């Protein structure tokens, strides 16, 4: 019984797996932020080009 308790205590004290999980969660969060930012930037760029398109004369040279 004492061997099982010592194995459980050693498993709980082992932080290598916890660190890997934390790094994975941080990487996932960074990915979510990048995707959200890219969508917002894409929308702003599209609106800018539409504004430029709408500001140009309809029939240049006529």
N, C-alpha and C. Protein backbone atom coordinates (compact mmCIF):
# COMPACT_ATOMS: atom_id res chain seq x y z
N UNK A 1 0.83 -1.20 0.00
CA UNK A 1 0.00 0.00 0.00
C UNK A 1 0.87 1.26 0.00
N UNK A 2 1.97 1.23 0.73
CA UNK A 2 2.86 2.38 0.81
C UNK A 2 3.48 2.70 -0.53
N UNK A 3 3.70 1.66 -1.35
CA UNK A 3 4.29 1.88 -2.67
C UNK A 3 3.31 2.61 -3.59
N UNK A 4 2.04 2.29 -3.49
CA UNK A 4 1.02 2.95 -4.30
C UNK A 4 0.92 4.42 -3.92
N UNK A 5 0.93 4.69 -2.62
CA UNK A 5 0.83 6.07 -2.15
C UNK A 5 2.04 6.87 -2.63
N UNK A 6 3.23 6.28 -2.55
CA UNK A 6 4.42 7.00 -3.00
C UNK A 6 4.39 7.24 -4.51
N UNK A 7 3.85 6.29 -5.28
CA UNK A 7 3.73 6.48 -6.74
C UNK A 7 2.74 7.60 -7.06
N UNK A 8 1.63 7.65 -6.33
CA UNK A 8 0.62 8.71 -6.55
C UNK A 8 1.22 10.06 -6.20
N UNK A 9 1.96 10.13 -5.09
CA UNK A 9 2.60 11.39 -4.70
C UNK A 9 3.62 11.83 -5.75
N UNK A 10 4.38 10.88 -6.28
CA UNK A 10 5.36 11.21 -7.31
C UNK A 10 4.67 11.69 -8.59
N UNK A 11 3.54 11.08 -8.93
CA UNK A 11 2.79 11.50 -10.13
C UNK A 11 2.25 12.91 -9.95
N UNK A 12 1.74 13.23 -8.78
CA UNK A 12 1.20 14.56 -8.51
C UNK A 12 2.31 15.61 -8.52
N UNK A 13 3.49 15.23 -7.99
CA UNK A 13 4.61 16.18 -7.93
C UNK A 13 5.26 16.41 -9.29
N UNK A 14 5.08 15.50 -10.24
CA UNK A 14 5.70 15.62 -11.56
C UNK A 14 5.02 16.74 -12.33
N UNK A 15 5.79 17.78 -12.68
CA UNK A 15 5.22 18.95 -13.36
C UNK A 15 5.56 19.02 -14.84
N UNK A 16 6.26 18.03 -15.37
CA UNK A 16 6.63 18.07 -16.78
C UNK A 16 5.41 18.07 -17.68
N UNK A 17 4.45 17.22 -17.40
CA UNK A 17 3.24 17.17 -18.20
C UNK A 17 2.42 18.44 -18.10
N UNK A 18 2.37 19.00 -16.90
CA UNK A 18 1.62 20.23 -16.68
C UNK A 18 2.23 21.36 -17.49
N UNK A 19 3.54 21.44 -17.52
CA UNK A 19 4.21 22.50 -18.28
C UNK A 19 3.91 22.36 -19.77
N UNK A 20 3.93 21.14 -20.28
CA UNK A 20 3.62 20.93 -21.69
C UNK A 20 2.19 21.33 -22.00
N UNK A 21 1.27 21.01 -21.12
CA UNK A 21 -0.13 21.41 -21.32
C UNK A 21 -0.26 22.92 -21.31
N UNK A 22 0.42 23.57 -20.39
CA UNK A 22 0.36 25.04 -20.33
C UNK A 22 0.89 25.67 -21.61
N UNK A 23 2.01 25.15 -22.12
CA UNK A 23 2.55 25.68 -23.38
C UNK A 23 1.57 25.43 -24.53
N UNK A 24 0.92 24.30 -24.53
CA UNK A 24 -0.08 24.01 -25.56
C UNK A 24 -1.24 24.97 -25.50
N UNK A 25 -1.71 25.26 -24.29
CA UNK A 25 -2.82 26.22 -24.14
C UNK A 25 -2.42 27.62 -24.56
N UNK A 26 -1.21 28.02 -24.23
CA UNK A 26 -0.72 29.34 -24.64
C UNK A 26 -0.64 29.43 -26.17
N UNK A 27 -0.12 28.37 -26.80
CA UNK A 27 -0.01 28.36 -28.26
C UNK A 27 -1.40 28.41 -28.90
N UNK A 28 -2.36 27.69 -28.33
CA UNK A 28 -3.73 27.71 -28.87
C UNK A 28 -4.34 29.10 -28.73
N UNK A 29 -4.12 29.74 -27.60
CA UNK A 29 -4.65 31.09 -27.39
C UNK A 29 -4.04 32.08 -28.37
N UNK A 30 -2.75 31.98 -28.59
CA UNK A 30 -2.09 32.85 -29.57
C UNK A 30 -2.67 32.63 -30.96
N UNK A 31 -2.92 31.37 -31.30
CA UNK A 31 -3.52 31.06 -32.59
C UNK A 31 -4.89 31.67 -32.75
N UNK A 32 -5.70 31.61 -31.71
CA UNK A 32 -7.05 32.20 -31.76
C UNK A 32 -6.96 33.71 -31.95
N UNK A 33 -6.03 34.35 -31.26
CA UNK A 33 -5.86 35.80 -31.39
C UNK A 33 -5.42 36.16 -32.81
N UNK A 34 -4.53 35.38 -33.38
CA UNK A 34 -4.06 35.65 -34.75
C UNK A 34 -5.20 35.51 -35.74
N UNK A 35 -6.00 34.45 -35.61
CA UNK A 35 -7.12 34.24 -36.53
C UNK A 35 -8.13 35.37 -36.41
N UNK A 36 -8.44 35.76 -35.18
CA UNK A 36 -9.40 36.85 -34.98
C UNK A 36 -8.87 38.17 -35.55
N UNK A 37 -7.59 38.43 -35.35
CA UNK A 37 -7.00 39.67 -35.87
C UNK A 37 -6.96 39.66 -37.39
N UNK A 38 -6.62 38.52 -37.98
CA UNK A 38 -6.54 38.44 -39.44
C UNK A 38 -7.90 38.70 -40.06
N UNK A 39 -8.95 38.18 -39.46
CA UNK A 39 -10.29 38.43 -39.99
C UNK A 39 -10.65 39.91 -39.92
N UNK A 40 -10.33 40.54 -38.81
CA UNK A 40 -10.63 41.97 -38.64
C UNK A 40 -9.81 42.81 -39.61
N UNK A 41 -8.54 42.50 -39.75
CA UNK A 41 -7.68 43.25 -40.68
C UNK A 41 -8.16 43.07 -42.11
N UNK A 42 -8.55 41.84 -42.47
CA UNK A 42 -9.06 41.59 -43.82
C UNK A 42 -10.31 42.41 -44.12
N UNK A 43 -11.20 42.50 -43.14
CA UNK A 43 -12.42 43.29 -43.32
C UNK A 43 -12.09 44.77 -43.50
N UNK A 44 -11.15 45.27 -42.72
CA UNK A 44 -10.78 46.69 -42.84
C UNK A 44 -10.12 46.98 -44.19
N UNK A 45 -9.27 46.07 -44.66
CA UNK A 45 -8.63 46.25 -45.96
C UNK A 45 -9.69 46.25 -47.07
N UNK A 46 -10.64 45.33 -46.98
CA UNK A 46 -11.71 45.27 -47.98
C UNK A 46 -12.50 46.57 -48.01
N UNK A 47 -12.84 47.11 -46.83
CA UNK A 47 -13.59 48.37 -46.77
C UNK A 47 -12.77 49.52 -47.36
N UNK A 48 -11.47 49.51 -47.13
CA UNK A 48 -10.61 50.57 -47.67
C UNK A 48 -10.60 50.53 -49.19
N UNK A 49 -10.44 49.33 -49.77
CA UNK A 49 -10.44 49.22 -51.22
C UNK A 49 -11.82 49.56 -51.81
N UNK A 50 -12.89 49.20 -51.13
CA UNK A 50 -14.22 49.56 -51.62
C UNK A 50 -14.41 51.07 -51.59
N UNK A 51 -13.88 51.73 -50.56
CA UNK A 51 -13.97 53.19 -50.49
C UNK A 51 -13.21 53.83 -51.65
N UNK A 52 -12.01 53.31 -51.92
CA UNK A 52 -11.22 53.84 -53.04
C UNK A 52 -11.95 53.60 -54.35
N UNK A 53 -12.51 52.40 -54.54
CA UNK A 53 -13.25 52.08 -55.76
C UNK A 53 -14.44 53.03 -55.94
N UNK A 54 -15.16 53.25 -54.87
CA UNK A 54 -16.35 54.11 -54.96
C UNK A 54 -16.00 55.58 -55.13
N UNK A 55 -14.79 55.98 -54.75
CA UNK A 55 -14.36 57.38 -54.89
C UNK A 55 -13.86 57.70 -56.30
N UNK A 56 -13.51 56.68 -57.08
CA UNK A 56 -13.02 56.92 -58.43
C UNK A 56 -14.18 57.24 -59.37
N UNK A 57 -13.92 58.01 -60.41
CA UNK A 57 -14.98 58.30 -61.37
C UNK A 57 -15.45 57.03 -62.06
N UNK A 58 -16.75 57.00 -62.40
CA UNK A 58 -17.36 55.80 -62.97
C UNK A 58 -16.83 55.53 -64.39
N UNK A 59 -16.71 56.56 -65.21
CA UNK A 59 -16.28 56.40 -66.60
C UNK A 59 -15.10 57.32 -66.89
N UNK A 60 -13.91 56.93 -66.51
CA UNK A 60 -12.76 57.83 -66.75
C UNK A 60 -12.46 57.91 -68.25
N UNK A 61 -12.16 59.11 -68.69
CA UNK A 61 -11.78 59.32 -70.09
C UNK A 61 -12.95 59.55 -71.02
N UNK A 62 -14.16 59.54 -70.52
CA UNK A 62 -15.32 59.79 -71.40
C UNK A 62 -15.88 61.17 -71.18
